[in-house]
Amino acid sequence: LRSPWFMIAVLLLVAGAFLLAVPQWPVP
């Protein structure tokens, strides 16, 4: 859980969910 690779993965997943939900940009 303290791994930097895991932290980057979580950040990318959250950013992707945000881009799908708020501005509704499906490709990015």
PDB file of all heavy atoms in Angstrom:
ATOM      1  N   LEU A   1       0.813  -1.212   0.000  1.00  0.00           N
ATOM      2  CA  LEU A   1       0.000   0.000   0.000  1.00  0.00           C
ATOM      3  C   LEU A   1       0.847   1.261   0.000  1.00  0.00           C
ATOM      4  O   LEU A   1       0.397   2.315  -0.444  1.00  0.00           O
ATOM      5  CB  LEU A   1      -0.938  -0.011   1.214  1.00  0.00           C
ATOM      6  CG  LEU A   1      -1.966  -1.144   1.229  1.00  0.00           C
ATOM      7  CD1 LEU A   1      -2.754  -1.094   2.517  1.00  0.00           C
ATOM      8  CD2 LEU A   1      -2.869  -1.069   0.024  1.00  0.00           C
ATOM      9  N   ARG A   2       2.063   1.173   0.477  1.00  0.00           N
ATOM     10  CA  ARG A   2       2.969   2.326   0.490  1.00  0.00           C
ATOM     11  C   ARG A   2       3.814   2.425  -0.773  1.00  0.00           C
ATOM     12  O   ARG A   2       4.603   3.351  -0.921  1.00  0.00           O
ATOM     13  CB  ARG A   2       3.874   2.246   1.709  1.00  0.00           C
ATOM     14  CG  ARG A   2       3.111   2.396   3.009  1.00  0.00           C
ATOM     15  CD  ARG A   2       4.015   2.310   4.195  1.00  0.00           C
ATOM     16  NE  ARG A   2       4.947   3.431   4.151  1.00  0.00           N
ATOM     17  CZ  ARG A   2       6.141   3.408   4.702  1.00  0.00           C
ATOM     18  NH1 ARG A   2       6.567   2.333   5.316  1.00  0.00           N
ATOM     19  NH2 ARG A   2       6.928   4.463   4.641  1.00  0.00           N
ATOM     20  N   SER A   3       3.646   1.487  -1.676  1.00  0.00           N
ATOM     21  CA  SER A   3       4.429   1.460  -2.905  1.00  0.00           C
ATOM     22  C   SER A   3       4.086   2.668  -3.781  1.00  0.00           C
ATOM     23  O   SER A   3       2.912   2.995  -3.979  1.00  0.00           O
ATOM     24  CB  SER A   3       4.124   0.171  -3.672  1.00  0.00           C
ATOM     25  OG  SER A   3       4.590   0.253  -4.993  1.00  0.00           O
ATOM     26  N   PRO A   4       5.093   3.330  -4.349  1.00  0.00           N
ATOM     27  CA  PRO A   4       4.795   4.460  -5.236  1.00  0.00           C
ATOM     28  C   PRO A   4       4.038   4.032  -6.493  1.00  0.00           C
ATOM     29  O   PRO A   4       3.236   4.795  -7.029  1.00  0.00           O
ATOM     30  CB  PRO A   4       6.158   5.042  -5.576  1.00  0.00           C
ATOM     31  CG  PRO A   4       7.157   4.040  -5.162  1.00  0.00           C
ATOM     32  CD  PRO A   4       6.527   3.159  -4.144  1.00  0.00           C
ATOM     33  N   TRP A   5       4.262   2.807  -6.962  1.00  0.00           N
ATOM     34  CA  TRP A   5       3.541   2.325  -8.139  1.00  0.00           C
ATOM     35  C   TRP A   5       2.065   2.176  -7.843  1.00  0.00           C
ATOM     36  O   TRP A   5       1.212   2.483  -8.674  1.00  0.00           O
ATOM     37  CB  TRP A   5       4.126   0.996  -8.617  1.00  0.00           C
ATOM     38  CG  TRP A   5       5.545   1.128  -9.042  1.00  0.00           C
ATOM     39  CD1 TRP A   5       6.635   0.688  -8.372  1.00  0.00           C
ATOM     40  CD2 TRP A   5       6.035   1.787 -10.218  1.00  0.00           C
ATOM     41  NE1 TRP A   5       7.776   1.020  -9.062  1.00  0.00           N
ATOM     42  CE2 TRP A   5       7.430   1.692 -10.193  1.00  0.00           C
ATOM     43  CE3 TRP A   5       5.419   2.442 -11.278  1.00  0.00           C
ATOM     44  CZ2 TRP A   5       8.219   2.224 -11.203  1.00  0.00           C
ATOM     45  CZ3 TRP A   5       6.209   2.966 -12.279  1.00  0.00           C
ATOM     46  CH2 TRP A   5       7.591   2.861 -12.238  1.00  0.00           C
ATOM     47  N   PHE A   6       1.741   1.700  -6.648  1.00  0.00           N
ATOM     48  CA  PHE A   6       0.345   1.569  -6.246  1.00  0.00           C
ATOM     49  C   PHE A   6      -0.307   2.948  -6.120  1.00  0.00           C
ATOM     50  O   PHE A   6      -1.449   3.148  -6.532  1.00  0.00           O
ATOM     51  CB  PHE A   6       0.250   0.797  -4.926  1.00  0.00           C
ATOM     52  CG  PHE A   6      -1.155   0.640  -4.434  1.00  0.00           C
ATOM     53  CD1 PHE A   6      -2.023  -0.243  -5.044  1.00  0.00           C
ATOM     54  CD2 PHE A   6      -1.614   1.377  -3.364  1.00  0.00           C
ATOM     55  CE1 PHE A   6      -3.327  -0.389  -4.600  1.00  0.00           C
ATOM     56  CE2 PHE A   6      -2.909   1.236  -2.906  1.00  0.00           C
ATOM     57  CZ  PHE A   6      -3.765   0.348  -3.525  1.00  0.00           C
ATOM     58  N   MET A   7       0.416   3.906  -5.559  1.00  0.00           N
ATOM     59  CA  MET A   7      -0.127   5.258  -5.398  1.00  0.00           C
ATOM     60  C   MET A   7      -0.394   5.914  -6.753  1.00  0.00           C
ATOM     61  O   MET A   7      -1.409   6.582  -6.934  1.00  0.00           O
ATOM     62  CB  MET A   7       0.823   6.109  -4.561  1.00  0.00           C
ATOM     63  CG  MET A   7       0.919   5.665  -3.141  1.00  0.00           C
ATOM     64  SD  MET A   7       2.048   6.719  -2.234  1.00  0.00           S
ATOM     65  CE  MET A   7       2.216   5.792  -0.727  1.00  0.00           C
ATOM     66  N   ILE A   8       0.512   5.709  -7.698  1.00  0.00           N
ATOM     67  CA  ILE A   8       0.302   6.247  -9.049  1.00  0.00           C
ATOM     68  C   ILE A   8      -0.909   5.586  -9.693  1.00  0.00           C
ATOM     69  O   ILE A   8      -1.722   6.250 -10.353  1.00  0.00           O
ATOM     70  CB  ILE A   8       1.569   6.061  -9.909  1.00  0.00           C
ATOM     71  CG1 ILE A   8       2.686   6.951  -9.394  1.00  0.00           C
ATOM     72  CG2 ILE A   8       1.288   6.354 -11.373  1.00  0.00           C
ATOM     73  CD1 ILE A   8       4.027   6.684 -10.032  1.00  0.00           C
ATOM     74  N   ALA A   9      -1.055   4.279  -9.494  1.00  0.00           N
ATOM     75  CA  ALA A   9      -2.200   3.552 -10.060  1.00  0.00           C
ATOM     76  C   ALA A   9      -3.510   4.097  -9.518  1.00  0.00           C
ATOM     77  O   ALA A   9      -4.460   4.326 -10.270  1.00  0.00           O
ATOM     78  CB  ALA A   9      -2.074   2.065  -9.759  1.00  0.00           C
ATOM     79  N   VAL A  10      -3.573   4.320  -8.213  1.00  0.00           N
ATOM     80  CA  VAL A  10      -4.797   4.857  -7.611  1.00  0.00           C
ATOM     81  C   VAL A  10      -5.073   6.263  -8.139  1.00  0.00           C
ATOM     82  O   VAL A  10      -6.224   6.596  -8.458  1.00  0.00           O
ATOM     83  CB  VAL A  10      -4.689   4.846  -6.075  1.00  0.00           C
ATOM     84  CG1 VAL A  10      -5.822   5.619  -5.428  1.00  0.00           C
ATOM     85  CG2 VAL A  10      -4.665   3.413  -5.571  1.00  0.00           C
ATOM     86  N   LEU A  11      -4.041   7.075  -8.258  1.00  0.00           N
ATOM     87  CA  LEU A  11      -4.216   8.431  -8.784  1.00  0.00           C
ATOM     88  C   LEU A  11      -4.760   8.404 -10.211  1.00  0.00           C
ATOM     89  O   LEU A  11      -5.670   9.172 -10.549  1.00  0.00           O
ATOM     90  CB  LEU A  11      -2.887   9.183  -8.729  1.00  0.00           C
ATOM     91  CG  LEU A  11      -2.906  10.614  -9.240  1.00  0.00           C
ATOM     92  CD1 LEU A  11      -3.742  11.487  -8.316  1.00  0.00           C
ATOM     93  CD2 LEU A  11      -1.502  11.152  -9.345  1.00  0.00           C
ATOM     94  N   LEU A  12      -4.232   7.520 -11.057  1.00  0.00           N
ATOM     95  CA  LEU A  12      -4.706   7.426 -12.440  1.00  0.00           C
ATOM     96  C   LEU A  12      -6.151   6.933 -12.497  1.00  0.00           C
ATOM     97  O   LEU A  12      -6.944   7.424 -13.312  1.00  0.00           O
ATOM     98  CB  LEU A  12      -3.798   6.503 -13.245  1.00  0.00           C
ATOM     99  CG  LEU A  12      -2.408   7.047 -13.562  1.00  0.00           C
ATOM    100  CD1 LEU A  12      -1.559   5.975 -14.204  1.00  0.00           C
ATOM    101  CD2 LEU A  12      -2.506   8.269 -14.461  1.00  0.00           C
ATOM    102  N   LEU A  13      -6.501   5.960 -11.657  1.00  0.00           N
ATOM    103  CA  LEU A  13      -7.872   5.460 -11.643  1.00  0.00           C
ATOM    104  C   LEU A  13      -8.856   6.547 -11.216  1.00  0.00           C
ATOM    105  O   LEU A  13      -9.919   6.703 -11.818  1.00  0.00           O
ATOM    106  CB  LEU A  13      -7.981   4.252 -10.712  1.00  0.00           C
ATOM    107  CG  LEU A  13      -7.321   2.970 -11.208  1.00  0.00           C
ATOM    108  CD1 LEU A  13      -7.296   1.930 -10.106  1.00  0.00           C
ATOM    109  CD2 LEU A  13      -8.029   2.449 -12.426  1.00  0.00           C
ATOM    110  N   VAL A  14      -8.496   7.301 -10.190  1.00  0.00           N
ATOM    111  CA  VAL A  14      -9.385   8.371  -9.711  1.00  0.00           C
ATOM    112  C   VAL A  14      -9.498   9.474 -10.752  1.00  0.00           C
ATOM    113  O   VAL A  14     -10.588  10.000 -10.999  1.00  0.00           O
ATOM    114  CB  VAL A  14      -8.880   8.910  -8.359  1.00  0.00           C
ATOM    115  CG1 VAL A  14      -9.610  10.179  -7.963  1.00  0.00           C
ATOM    116  CG2 VAL A  14      -9.032   7.847  -7.282  1.00  0.00           C
ATOM    117  N   ALA A  15      -8.381   9.826 -11.384  1.00  0.00           N
ATOM    118  CA  ALA A  15      -8.423  10.862 -12.419  1.00  0.00           C
ATOM    119  C   ALA A  15      -9.266  10.415 -13.611  1.00  0.00           C
ATOM    120  O   ALA A  15     -10.032  11.210 -14.177  1.00  0.00           O
ATOM    121  CB  ALA A  15      -7.003  11.204 -12.870  1.00  0.00           C
ATOM    122  N   GLY A  16      -9.157   9.155 -13.982  1.00  0.00           N
ATOM    123  CA  GLY A  16      -9.970   8.638 -15.081  1.00  0.00           C
ATOM    124  C   GLY A  16     -11.450   8.656 -14.748  1.00  0.00           C
ATOM    125  O   GLY A  16     -12.282   9.025 -15.583  1.00  0.00           O
ATOM    126  N   ALA A  17     -11.792   8.257 -13.526  1.00  0.00           N
ATOM    127  CA  ALA A  17     -13.198   8.295 -13.113  1.00  0.00           C
ATOM    128  C   ALA A  17     -13.711   9.722 -13.087  1.00  0.00           C
ATOM    129  O   ALA A  17     -14.858   9.995 -13.463  1.00  0.00           O
ATOM    130  CB  ALA A  17     -13.345   7.646 -11.744  1.00  0.00           C
ATOM    131  N   PHE A  18     -12.879  10.655 -12.665  1.00  0.00           N
ATOM    132  CA  PHE A  18     -13.278  12.061 -12.656  1.00  0.00           C
ATOM    133  C   PHE A  18     -13.549  12.564 -14.072  1.00  0.00           C
ATOM    134  O   PHE A  18     -14.551  13.242 -14.317  1.00  0.00           O
ATOM    135  CB  PHE A  18     -12.188  12.915 -11.998  1.00  0.00           C
ATOM    136  CG  PHE A  18     -12.468  14.386 -12.052  1.00  0.00           C
ATOM    137  CD1 PHE A  18     -13.336  14.968 -11.154  1.00  0.00           C
ATOM    138  CD2 PHE A  18     -11.868  15.183 -13.006  1.00  0.00           C
ATOM    139  CE1 PHE A  18     -13.604  16.317 -11.209  1.00  0.00           C
ATOM    140  CE2 PHE A  18     -12.124  16.529 -13.079  1.00  0.00           C
ATOM    141  CZ  PHE A  18     -12.995  17.100 -12.165  1.00  0.00           C
ATOM    142  N   LEU A  19     -12.654  12.225 -15.006  1.00  0.00           N
ATOM    143  CA  LEU A  19     -12.839  12.683 -16.387  1.00  0.00           C
ATOM    144  C   LEU A  19     -14.068  12.054 -17.036  1.00  0.00           C
ATOM    145  O   LEU A  19     -14.680  12.671 -17.914  1.00  0.00           O
ATOM    146  CB  LEU A  19     -11.594  12.381 -17.224  1.00  0.00           C
ATOM    147  CG  LEU A  19     -10.380  13.253 -16.932  1.00  0.00           C
ATOM    148  CD1 LEU A  19      -9.215  12.835 -17.810  1.00  0.00           C
ATOM    149  CD2 LEU A  19     -10.692  14.723 -17.134  1.00  0.00           C
ATOM    150  N   LEU A  20     -14.421  10.863 -16.618  1.00  0.00           N
ATOM    151  CA  LEU A  20     -15.640  10.252 -17.151  1.00  0.00           C
ATOM    152  C   LEU A  20     -16.889  10.887 -16.554  1.00  0.00           C
ATOM    153  O   LEU A  20     -17.902  11.043 -17.246  1.00  0.00           O
ATOM    154  CB  LEU A  20     -15.662   8.754 -16.850  1.00  0.00           C
ATOM    155  CG  LEU A  20     -14.797   7.881 -17.739  1.00  0.00           C
ATOM    156  CD1 LEU A  20     -14.811   6.454 -17.232  1.00  0.00           C
ATOM    157  CD2 LEU A  20     -15.269   7.934 -19.169  1.00  0.00           C
ATOM    158  N   ALA A  21     -16.836  11.264 -15.301  1.00  0.00           N
ATOM    159  CA  ALA A  21     -18.038  11.719 -14.604  1.00  0.00           C
ATOM    160  C   ALA A  21     -18.307  13.211 -14.773  1.00  0.00           C
ATOM    161  O   ALA A  21     -19.435  13.603 -15.047  1.00  0.00           O
ATOM    162  CB  ALA A  21     -17.930  11.387 -13.117  1.00  0.00           C
ATOM    163  N   VAL A  22     -17.297  14.040 -14.599  1.00  0.00           N
ATOM    164  CA  VAL A  22     -17.550  15.480 -14.541  1.00  0.00           C
ATOM    165  C   VAL A  22     -17.570  16.123 -15.928  1.00  0.00           C
ATOM    166  O   VAL A  22     -18.616  16.596 -16.365  1.00  0.00           O
ATOM    167  CB  VAL A  22     -16.561  16.163 -13.576  1.00  0.00           C
ATOM    168  CG1 VAL A  22     -16.788  17.659 -13.534  1.00  0.00           C
ATOM    169  CG2 VAL A  22     -16.719  15.575 -12.170  1.00  0.00           C
ATOM    170  N   PRO A  23     -16.435  16.166 -16.668  1.00  0.00           N
ATOM    171  CA  PRO A  23     -16.536  16.788 -17.993  1.00  0.00           C
ATOM    172  C   PRO A  23     -17.035  15.836 -19.079  1.00  0.00           C
ATOM    173  O   PRO A  23     -17.243  16.248 -20.205  1.00  0.00           O
ATOM    174  CB  PRO A  23     -15.110  17.239 -18.286  1.00  0.00           C
ATOM    175  CG  PRO A  23     -14.246  16.369 -17.488  1.00  0.00           C
ATOM    176  CD  PRO A  23     -15.041  15.937 -16.298  1.00  0.00           C
ATOM    177  N   GLN A  24     -17.205  14.558 -18.738  1.00  0.00           N
ATOM    178  CA  GLN A  24     -17.693  13.528 -19.660  1.00  0.00           C
ATOM    179  C   GLN A  24     -16.805  13.403 -20.896  1.00  0.00           C
ATOM    180  O   GLN A  24     -17.274  13.457 -22.024  1.00  0.00           O
ATOM    181  CB  GLN A  24     -19.146  13.786 -20.047  1.00  0.00           C
ATOM    182  CG  GLN A  24     -20.072  13.722 -18.858  1.00  0.00           C
ATOM    183  CD  GLN A  24     -21.506  13.993 -19.230  1.00  0.00           C
ATOM    184  OE1 GLN A  24     -21.809  14.386 -20.342  1.00  0.00           O
ATOM    185  NE2 GLN A  24     -22.394  13.779 -18.278  1.00  0.00           N
ATOM    186  N   TRP A  25     -15.529  13.200 -20.645  1.00  0.00           N
ATOM    187  CA  TRP A  25     -14.559  12.958 -21.701  1.00  0.00           C
ATOM    188  C   TRP A  25     -14.232  11.463 -21.701  1.00  0.00           C
ATOM    189  O   TRP A  25     -13.406  10.993 -20.919  1.00  0.00           O
ATOM    190  CB  TRP A  25     -13.279  13.748 -21.477  1.00  0.00           C
ATOM    191  CG  TRP A  25     -13.448  15.230 -21.585  1.00  0.00           C
ATOM    192  CD1 TRP A  25     -14.467  15.891 -22.165  1.00  0.00           C
ATOM    193  CD2 TRP A  25     -12.555  16.224 -21.091  1.00  0.00           C
ATOM    194  NE1 TRP A  25     -14.273  17.241 -22.074  1.00  0.00           N
ATOM    195  CE2 TRP A  25     -13.105  17.476 -21.423  1.00  0.00           C
ATOM    196  CE3 TRP A  25     -11.351  16.177 -20.431  1.00  0.00           C
ATOM    197  CZ2 TRP A  25     -12.477  18.657 -21.087  1.00  0.00           C
ATOM    198  CZ3 TRP A  25     -10.738  17.364 -20.097  1.00  0.00           C
ATOM    199  CH2 TRP A  25     -11.290  18.585 -20.429  1.00  0.00           C
ATOM    200  N   PRO A  26     -14.844  10.681 -22.592  1.00  0.00           N
ATOM    201  CA  PRO A  26     -14.672   9.229 -22.502  1.00  0.00           C
ATOM    202  C   PRO A  26     -13.287   8.723 -22.904  1.00  0.00           C
ATOM    203  O   PRO A  26     -12.766   7.816 -22.274  1.00  0.00           O
ATOM    204  CB  PRO A  26     -15.741   8.688 -23.438  1.00  0.00           C
ATOM    205  CG  PRO A  26     -16.044   9.792 -24.372  1.00  0.00           C
ATOM    206  CD  PRO A  26     -15.784  11.068 -23.632  1.00  0.00           C
ATOM    207  N   VAL A  27     -12.690   9.303 -23.923  1.00  0.00           N
ATOM    208  CA  VAL A  27     -11.417   8.758 -24.402  1.00  0.00           C
ATOM    209  C   VAL A  27     -10.289   8.968 -23.387  1.00  0.00           C
ATOM    210  O   VAL A  27      -9.622   8.004 -22.993  1.00  0.00           O
ATOM    211  CB  VAL A  27     -11.060   9.333 -25.789  1.00  0.00           C
ATOM    212  CG1 VAL A  27      -9.685   8.882 -26.224  1.00  0.00           C
ATOM    213  CG2 VAL A  27     -12.115   8.922 -26.809  1.00  0.00           C
ATOM    214  N   PRO A  28     -10.043  10.201 -22.906  1.00  0.00           N
ATOM    215  CA  PRO A  28      -8.978  10.332 -21.902  1.00  0.00           C
ATOM    216  C   PRO A  28      -9.334   9.664 -20.581  1.00  0.00           C
ATOM    217  O   PRO A  28      -8.453   9.152 -19.888  1.00  0.00           O
ATOM    218  CB  PRO A  28      -8.790  11.832 -21.731  1.00  0.00           C
ATOM    219  CG  PRO A  28      -9.886  12.493 -22.429  1.00  0.00           C
ATOM    220  CD  PRO A  28     -10.554  11.495 -23.321  1.00  0.00           C
TER     221      PRO A  28
END
